[in-house]
Amino acid sequence: MKKFGGRNMRKTLYSLILSEDVVKEIDRLAEKEGTNRSNLVNEVLAEYVSVTTPEKRIADVFKRIEDFFGANGDFPVYYENHDNTLSIKSALSYRYRPTLRYEVELYRAPEGTFGELKVNFRTQSPELLNKLTEFFAYWERMEEIYVFSLFNAGNITYSLDEYKWTRSLSFPKNRRYETEDLSRAISDYVKVFDRLLKKFLAGEYKSVRELENDYLAALNGGMLLI
């Protein structure tokens, strides 16, 4: 089983002599699958010689994330073949039912960090924006206290703009996950983040300590770190 984030597969320009009929069929399939001639030829050859490309690894991770969320209508999962971004939607129990969109981006050539999680939100409510900003700050603080020491310095970073919170994704020190574990780690992270955020917005936590205890329960429950 290949581990994600391993060998960097550098691409090089080569000349191939192909028949016109083959090229026409490749172009037809490439257009159907939303890719281009070079990528499709690379995939076909890689499969033939049993080489796993970064694109194939990403597709395998996304398929398993989709499986982990299953047919749960609360979390529709969207991604396109040959894309390195997957989206998960989650409706908030708040006025006008605003929607969060979790966007998982995986790098084709990871170094240090292997991707990003972006939490996109669109709302005109100052109250909701303030609560979201407050939760993001609490979450960052909890991670700083409980998990930062398990990662190489600088691998976990955050940014916040008007409608998006972003966190880098990284493996703990001296760790690499196989596809199944990485898919589960990403899925669990999104589910725990979403569950605690919704409880926070609903006012279910009477103190920051209760939020922290919920977070620790998830960590101690076997959640893989990313």
C-alpha atoms as a PDB file:
ATOM      1  CA  MET A   1       0.000   0.000   0.000  1.00  0.00           C
ATOM      2  CA  LYS A   2       1.433   3.358  -1.060  1.00  0.00           C
ATOM      3  CA  LYS A   3       1.654   6.133   1.487  1.00  0.00           C
ATOM      4  CA  PHE A   4       0.439   9.591   0.581  1.00  0.00           C
ATOM      5  CA  GLY A   5       3.048  12.306   0.266  1.00  0.00           C
ATOM      6  CA  GLY A   6       5.916  10.075  -0.723  1.00  0.00           C
ATOM      7  CA  ARG A   7       7.982  10.269  -3.897  1.00  0.00           C
ATOM      8  CA  ASN A   8       7.697  13.464  -5.956  1.00  0.00           C
ATOM      9  CA  MET A   9       6.903  12.352  -9.530  1.00  0.00           C
ATOM     10  CA  ARG A  10       8.467  15.049 -11.689  1.00  0.00           C
ATOM     11  CA  LYS A  11       7.039  15.309 -15.198  1.00  0.00           C
ATOM     12  CA  THR A  12       9.243  15.516 -18.294  1.00  0.00           C
ATOM     13  CA  LEU A  13       8.395  16.324 -21.903  1.00  0.00           C
ATOM     14  CA  TYR A  14       8.679  13.331 -24.277  1.00  0.00           C
ATOM     15  CA  SER A  15       7.796  12.812 -27.936  1.00  0.00           C
ATOM     16  CA  LEU A  16       5.562   9.849 -28.821  1.00  0.00           C
ATOM     17  CA  ILE A  17       4.543   8.584 -32.235  1.00  0.00           C
ATOM     18  CA  LEU A  18       0.864   7.600 -32.100  1.00  0.00           C
ATOM     19  CA  SER A  19      -1.656   6.686 -34.761  1.00  0.00           C
ATOM     20  CA  GLU A  20      -4.306   9.265 -35.605  1.00  0.00           C
ATOM     21  CA  ASP A  21      -7.121   6.933 -34.579  1.00  0.00           C
ATOM     22  CA  VAL A  22      -5.554   6.438 -31.150  1.00  0.00           C
ATOM     23  CA  VAL A  23      -5.084  10.176 -30.665  1.00  0.00           C
ATOM     24  CA  LYS A  24      -8.699  10.869 -31.657  1.00  0.00           C
ATOM     25  CA  GLU A  25      -9.971   8.347 -29.133  1.00  0.00           C
ATOM     26  CA  ILE A  26      -7.672   9.681 -26.420  1.00  0.00           C
ATOM     27  CA  ASP A  27      -8.873  13.224 -27.067  1.00  0.00           C
ATOM     28  CA  ARG A  28     -12.497  12.075 -26.942  1.00  0.00           C
ATOM     29  CA  LEU A  29     -12.001  10.319 -23.615  1.00  0.00           C
ATOM     30  CA  ALA A  30      -9.956  13.192 -22.208  1.00  0.00           C
ATOM     31  CA  GLU A  31     -12.731  15.664 -22.993  1.00  0.00           C
ATOM     32  CA  LYS A  32     -15.325  13.321 -21.489  1.00  0.00           C
ATOM     33  CA  GLU A  33     -13.324  12.988 -18.262  1.00  0.00           C
ATOM     34  CA  GLY A  34     -12.465  16.680 -17.998  1.00  0.00           C
ATOM     35  CA  THR A  35      -8.732  16.300 -18.528  1.00  0.00           C
ATOM     36  CA  ASN A  36      -6.262  16.679 -21.395  1.00  0.00           C
ATOM     37  CA  ARG A  37      -4.385  14.381 -23.752  1.00  0.00           C
ATOM     38  CA  SER A  38      -1.101  14.348 -21.812  1.00  0.00           C
ATOM     39  CA  ASN A  39      -2.718  13.601 -18.464  1.00  0.00           C
ATOM     40  CA  LEU A  40      -4.841  10.798 -19.868  1.00  0.00           C
ATOM     41  CA  VAL A  41      -1.893   9.159 -21.651  1.00  0.00           C
ATOM     42  CA  ASN A  42       0.116   9.455 -18.421  1.00  0.00           C
ATOM     43  CA  GLU A  43      -2.682   7.766 -16.438  1.00  0.00           C
ATOM     44  CA  VAL A  44      -3.119   4.945 -18.944  1.00  0.00           C
ATOM     45  CA  LEU A  45       0.610   4.220 -19.044  1.00  0.00           C
ATOM     46  CA  ALA A  46       0.938   4.477 -15.261  1.00  0.00           C
ATOM     47  CA  GLU A  47      -1.865   1.966 -14.775  1.00  0.00           C
ATOM     48  CA  TYR A  48      -0.322  -0.379 -17.335  1.00  0.00           C
ATOM     49  CA  VAL A  49       3.056  -0.422 -15.562  1.00  0.00           C
ATOM     50  CA  SER A  50       1.463  -0.372 -12.057  1.00  0.00           C
ATOM     51  CA  VAL A  51       2.736   3.064 -11.045  1.00  0.00           C
ATOM     52  CA  THR A  52       0.505   5.161  -8.783  1.00  0.00           C
ATOM     53  CA  THR A  53       0.479   8.798  -9.876  1.00  0.00           C
ATOM     54  CA  PRO A  54      -0.201  11.723  -7.510  1.00  0.00           C
ATOM     55  CA  GLU A  55      -3.490  12.281  -9.343  1.00  0.00           C
ATOM     56  CA  LYS A  56      -4.510   8.667  -8.691  1.00  0.00           C
ATOM     57  CA  ARG A  57      -3.601   8.950  -5.005  1.00  0.00           C
ATOM     58  CA  ILE A  58      -5.693  12.111  -4.664  1.00  0.00           C
ATOM     59  CA  ALA A  59      -8.632  10.478  -6.451  1.00  0.00           C
ATOM     60  CA  ASP A  60      -8.402   7.460  -4.128  1.00  0.00           C
ATOM     61  CA  VAL A  61      -8.391   9.705  -1.047  1.00  0.00           C
ATOM     62  CA  PHE A  62     -11.416  11.660  -2.287  1.00  0.00           C
ATOM     63  CA  LYS A  63     -13.352   8.482  -3.085  1.00  0.00           C
ATOM     64  CA  ARG A  64     -12.772   7.184   0.426  1.00  0.00           C
ATOM     65  CA  ILE A  65     -13.751  10.528   1.980  1.00  0.00           C
ATOM     66  CA  GLU A  66     -16.986  10.317   0.017  1.00  0.00           C
ATOM     67  CA  ASP A  67     -17.479   6.785   1.355  1.00  0.00           C
ATOM     68  CA  PHE A  68     -16.837   7.907   4.954  1.00  0.00           C
ATOM     69  CA  PHE A  69     -19.544  10.559   4.694  1.00  0.00           C
ATOM     70  CA  GLY A  70     -21.739   8.019   2.921  1.00  0.00           C
ATOM     71  CA  ALA A  71     -25.300   8.865   1.979  1.00  0.00           C
ATOM     72  CA  ASN A  72     -25.597  11.367   4.833  1.00  0.00           C
ATOM     73  CA  GLY A  73     -27.698  14.155   3.350  1.00  0.00           C
ATOM     74  CA  ASP A  74     -26.308  16.581   5.922  1.00  0.00           C
ATOM     75  CA  PHE A  75     -22.895  16.516   4.225  1.00  0.00           C
ATOM     76  CA  PRO A  76     -23.115  16.481   0.409  1.00  0.00           C
ATOM     77  CA  VAL A  77     -19.688  15.742  -1.081  1.00  0.00           C
ATOM     78  CA  TYR A  78     -18.612  17.159  -4.455  1.00  0.00           C
ATOM     79  CA  TYR A  79     -15.486  16.638  -6.522  1.00  0.00           C
ATOM     80  CA  GLU A  80     -14.534  16.218 -10.160  1.00  0.00           C
ATOM     81  CA  ASN A  81     -12.266  13.596 -11.657  1.00  0.00           C
ATOM     82  CA  HIS A  82      -8.726  14.858 -12.210  1.00  0.00           C
ATOM     83  CA  ASP A  83      -9.285  17.676  -9.703  1.00  0.00           C
ATOM     84  CA  ASN A  84      -7.283  18.145  -6.510  1.00  0.00           C
ATOM     85  CA  THR A  85     -10.126  19.830  -4.598  1.00  0.00           C
ATOM     86  CA  LEU A  86     -13.121  18.279  -2.825  1.00  0.00           C
ATOM     87  CA  SER A  87     -16.040  20.193  -1.272  1.00  0.00           C
ATOM     88  CA  ILE A  88     -18.310  19.211   1.609  1.00  0.00           C
ATOM     89  CA  LYS A  89     -21.392  21.295   2.364  1.00  0.00           C
ATOM     90  CA  SER A  90     -22.932  21.700   5.806  1.00  0.00           C
ATOM     91  CA  ALA A  91     -26.036  23.745   6.637  1.00  0.00           C
ATOM     92  CA  LEU A  92     -26.047  25.715   9.895  1.00  0.00           C
ATOM     93  CA  SER A  93     -29.068  25.797  12.184  1.00  0.00           C
ATOM     94  CA  TYR A  94     -29.078  29.561  12.127  1.00  0.00           C
ATOM     95  CA  ARG A  95     -31.312  32.275  10.743  1.00  0.00           C
ATOM     96  CA  TYR A  96     -31.752  31.941   6.973  1.00  0.00           C
ATOM     97  CA  ARG A  97     -29.945  28.565   7.071  1.00  0.00           C
ATOM     98  CA  PRO A  98     -26.490  29.720   5.938  1.00  0.00           C
ATOM     99  CA  THR A  99     -24.218  27.051   4.491  1.00  0.00           C
ATOM    100  CA  LEU A 100     -20.602  26.248   5.232  1.00  0.00           C
ATOM    101  CA  ARG A 101     -18.475  24.767   2.478  1.00  0.00           C
ATOM    102  CA  TYR A 102     -15.466  22.752   3.595  1.00  0.00           C
ATOM    103  CA  GLU A 103     -12.922  22.636   0.789  1.00  0.00           C
ATOM    104  CA  VAL A 104     -10.143  20.041   0.968  1.00  0.00           C
ATOM    105  CA  GLU A 105      -7.231  20.733  -1.369  1.00  0.00           C
ATOM    106  CA  LEU A 106      -4.474  18.126  -1.718  1.00  0.00           C
ATOM    107  CA  TYR A 107      -1.150  19.025  -3.301  1.00  0.00           C
ATOM    108  CA  ARG A 108       0.181  16.907  -6.150  1.00  0.00           C
ATOM    109  CA  ALA A 109       3.772  17.405  -4.936  1.00  0.00           C
ATOM    110  CA  PRO A 110       3.547  17.827  -1.139  1.00  0.00           C
ATOM    111  CA  GLU A 111       6.507  19.126   0.824  1.00  0.00           C
ATOM    112  CA  GLY A 112       6.082  19.701   4.554  1.00  0.00           C
ATOM    113  CA  THR A 113       2.346  20.218   4.245  1.00  0.00           C
ATOM    114  CA  PHE A 114       0.250  18.072   1.923  1.00  0.00           C
ATOM    115  CA  GLY A 115      -2.792  20.305   1.519  1.00  0.00           C
ATOM    116  CA  GLU A 116      -5.235  22.808   2.968  1.00  0.00           C
ATOM    117  CA  LEU A 117      -8.658  22.831   4.565  1.00  0.00           C
ATOM    118  CA  LYS A 118     -10.705  25.910   3.751  1.00  0.00           C
ATOM    119  CA  VAL A 119     -13.937  26.750   5.559  1.00  0.00           C
ATOM    120  CA  ASN A 120     -15.957  29.043   3.314  1.00  0.00           C
ATOM    121  CA  PHE A 121     -18.911  30.971   4.698  1.00  0.00           C
ATOM    122  CA  ARG A 122     -21.241  33.558   3.193  1.00  0.00           C
ATOM    123  CA  THR A 123     -23.316  35.593   5.594  1.00  0.00           C
ATOM    124  CA  GLN A 124     -24.361  39.194   6.069  1.00  0.00           C
ATOM    125  CA  SER A 125     -25.014  38.656   9.778  1.00  0.00           C
ATOM    126  CA  PRO A 126     -22.456  40.523  11.940  1.00  0.00           C
ATOM    127  CA  GLU A 127     -23.499  38.344  14.883  1.00  0.00           C
ATOM    128  CA  LEU A 128     -22.742  35.116  13.017  1.00  0.00           C
ATOM    129  CA  LEU A 129     -19.466  36.479  11.661  1.00  0.00           C
ATOM    130  CA  ASN A 130     -18.374  37.411  15.175  1.00  0.00           C
ATOM    131  CA  LYS A 131     -19.269  33.965  16.515  1.00  0.00           C
ATOM    132  CA  LEU A 132     -17.452  32.208  13.687  1.00  0.00           C
ATOM    133  CA  THR A 133     -14.363  34.338  14.247  1.00  0.00           C
ATOM    134  CA  GLU A 134     -14.518  33.588  17.965  1.00  0.00           C
ATOM    135  CA  PHE A 135     -14.766  29.845  17.352  1.00  0.00           C
ATOM    136  CA  PHE A 136     -11.862  29.871  14.902  1.00  0.00           C
ATOM    137  CA  ALA A 137      -9.712  31.590  17.532  1.00  0.00           C
ATOM    138  CA  TYR A 138     -10.674  29.018  20.187  1.00  0.00           C
ATOM    139  CA  TRP A 139      -9.954  26.151  17.788  1.00  0.00           C
ATOM    140  CA  GLU A 140      -6.534  27.497  16.884  1.00  0.00           C
ATOM    141  CA  ARG A 141      -5.707  27.971  20.541  1.00  0.00           C
ATOM    142  CA  MET A 142      -6.717  24.387  21.413  1.00  0.00           C
ATOM    143  CA  GLU A 143      -4.599  22.991  18.605  1.00  0.00           C
ATOM    144  CA  GLU A 144      -1.680  25.140  19.677  1.00  0.00           C
ATOM    145  CA  ILE A 145      -1.910  23.722  23.198  1.00  0.00           C
ATOM    146  CA  TYR A 146      -2.600  20.065  22.433  1.00  0.00           C
ATOM    147  CA  VAL A 147      -1.197  19.125  19.015  1.00  0.00           C
ATOM    148  CA  PHE A 148       1.357  21.669  17.758  1.00  0.00           C
ATOM    149  CA  SER A 149       4.241  19.875  19.492  1.00  0.00           C
ATOM    150  CA  LEU A 150       3.489  16.725  17.481  1.00  0.00           C
ATOM    151  CA  PHE A 151       4.198  18.474  14.163  1.00  0.00           C
ATOM    152  CA  ASN A 152       7.317  20.005  12.683  1.00  0.00           C
ATOM    153  CA  ALA A 153       7.580  23.710  13.431  1.00  0.00           C
ATOM    154  CA  GLY A 154       5.682  25.876  11.002  1.00  0.00           C
ATOM    155  CA  ASN A 155       3.727  23.070   9.352  1.00  0.00           C
ATOM    156  CA  ILE A 156       0.392  24.091  10.891  1.00  0.00           C
ATOM    157  CA  THR A 157      -0.659  27.573   9.821  1.00  0.00           C
ATOM    158  CA  TYR A 158      -3.926  29.501   9.664  1.00  0.00           C
ATOM    159  CA  SER A 159      -5.363  32.444   7.798  1.00  0.00           C
ATOM    160  CA  LEU A 160      -8.692  34.258   7.972  1.00  0.00           C
ATOM    161  CA  ASP A 161     -10.183  36.640   5.469  1.00  0.00           C
ATOM    162  CA  GLU A 162     -13.669  38.055   5.044  1.00  0.00           C
ATOM    163  CA  TYR A 163     -15.397  34.814   4.065  1.00  0.00           C
ATOM    164  CA  LYS A 164     -12.830  32.042   4.521  1.00  0.00           C
ATOM    165  CA  TRP A 165     -10.792  30.368   7.262  1.00  0.00           C
ATOM    166  CA  THR A 166      -7.849  28.271   6.061  1.00  0.00           C
ATOM    167  CA  ARG A 167      -5.708  25.701   7.857  1.00  0.00           C
ATOM    168  CA  SER A 168      -2.748  23.838   6.412  1.00  0.00           C
ATOM    169  CA  LEU A 169      -2.784  20.030   6.503  1.00  0.00           C
ATOM    170  CA  SER A 170       0.327  18.131   7.547  1.00  0.00           C
ATOM    171  CA  PHE A 171       1.482  14.783   8.857  1.00  0.00           C
ATOM    172  CA  PRO A 172       2.750  14.508  12.440  1.00  0.00           C
ATOM    173  CA  LYS A 173       6.502  14.201  12.914  1.00  0.00           C
ATOM    174  CA  ASN A 174       7.970  11.088  11.285  1.00  0.00           C
ATOM    175  CA  ARG A 175       4.555   9.887  10.094  1.00  0.00           C
ATOM    176  CA  ARG A 176       2.965   9.163   6.742  1.00  0.00           C
ATOM    177  CA  TYR A 177      -0.552   7.797   6.313  1.00  0.00           C
ATOM    178  CA  GLU A 178      -1.746   5.238   3.849  1.00  0.00           C
ATOM    179  CA  THR A 179      -4.731   6.258   1.739  1.00  0.00           C
ATOM    180  CA  GLU A 180      -7.344   4.755   4.058  1.00  0.00           C
ATOM    181  CA  ASP A 181      -5.945   6.414   7.186  1.00  0.00           C
ATOM    182  CA  LEU A 182      -5.487   9.783   5.499  1.00  0.00           C
ATOM    183  CA  SER A 183      -9.059   9.723   4.218  1.00  0.00           C
ATOM    184  CA  ARG A 184     -10.329   8.883   7.684  1.00  0.00           C
ATOM    185  CA  ALA A 185      -8.156  11.575   9.294  1.00  0.00           C
ATOM    186  CA  ILE A 186      -9.514  14.278   6.982  1.00  0.00           C
ATOM    187  CA  SER A 187     -13.103  13.067   7.361  1.00  0.00           C
ATOM    188  CA  ASP A 188     -12.889  12.908  11.150  1.00  0.00           C
ATOM    189  CA  TYR A 189     -11.300  16.362  11.334  1.00  0.00           C
ATOM    190  CA  VAL A 190     -14.119  17.921   9.314  1.00  0.00           C
ATOM    191  CA  LYS A 191     -16.811  16.069  11.271  1.00  0.00           C
ATOM    192  CA  VAL A 192     -15.400  17.029  14.679  1.00  0.00           C
ATOM    193  CA  PHE A 193     -14.805  20.637  13.627  1.00  0.00           C
ATOM    194  CA  ASP A 194     -18.340  20.885  12.235  1.00  0.00           C
ATOM    195  CA  ARG A 195     -19.968  19.265  15.269  1.00  0.00           C
ATOM    196  CA  LEU A 196     -18.197  21.480  17.797  1.00  0.00           C
ATOM    197  CA  LEU A 197     -18.807  24.599  15.712  1.00  0.00           C
ATOM    198  CA  LYS A 198     -22.544  23.914  15.517  1.00  0.00           C
ATOM    199  CA  LYS A 199     -22.764  23.280  19.255  1.00  0.00           C
ATOM    200  CA  PHE A 200     -20.851  26.506  19.857  1.00  0.00           C
ATOM    201  CA  LEU A 201     -23.194  28.516  17.620  1.00  0.00           C
ATOM    202  CA  ALA A 202     -26.216  26.939  19.319  1.00  0.00           C
ATOM    203  CA  GLY A 203     -24.976  28.079  22.729  1.00  0.00           C
ATOM    204  CA  GLU A 204     -24.623  24.539  24.068  1.00  0.00           C
ATOM    205  CA  TYR A 205     -21.281  25.284  25.715  1.00  0.00           C
ATOM    206  CA  LYS A 206     -21.644  27.152  28.980  1.00  0.00           C
ATOM    207  CA  SER A 207     -17.920  27.793  29.127  1.00  0.00           C
ATOM    208  CA  VAL A 208     -14.775  27.496  27.033  1.00  0.00           C
ATOM    209  CA  ARG A 209     -13.800  24.589  29.275  1.00  0.00           C
ATOM    210  CA  GLU A 210     -16.776  22.577  27.998  1.00  0.00           C
ATOM    211  CA  LEU A 211     -15.694  23.211  24.407  1.00  0.00           C
ATOM    212  CA  GLU A 212     -12.163  22.170  25.314  1.00  0.00           C
ATOM    213  CA  ASN A 213     -13.398  18.976  26.973  1.00  0.00           C
ATOM    214  CA  ASP A 214     -15.356  18.071  23.837  1.00  0.00           C
ATOM    215  CA  TYR A 215     -12.248  18.645  21.731  1.00  0.00           C
ATOM    216  CA  LEU A 216     -10.113  16.505  24.057  1.00  0.00           C
ATOM    217  CA  ALA A 217     -12.706  13.726  23.976  1.00  0.00           C
ATOM    218  CA  ALA A 218     -12.351  13.622  20.189  1.00  0.00           C
ATOM    219  CA  LEU A 219      -8.545  13.541  20.390  1.00  0.00           C
ATOM    220  CA  ASN A 220      -8.582  10.810  23.013  1.00  0.00           C
ATOM    221  CA  GLY A 221     -11.163   8.884  21.001  1.00  0.00           C
ATOM    222  CA  GLY A 222      -8.554   7.903  18.443  1.00  0.00           C
ATOM    223  CA  MET A 223      -8.830  10.725  15.904  1.00  0.00           C
ATOM    224  CA  LEU A 224      -5.789  10.655  13.618  1.00  0.00           C
ATOM    225  CA  LEU A 225      -3.872  13.924  13.569  1.00  0.00           C
ATOM    226  CA  ILE A 226      -3.337  16.014  10.455  1.00  0.00           C
END
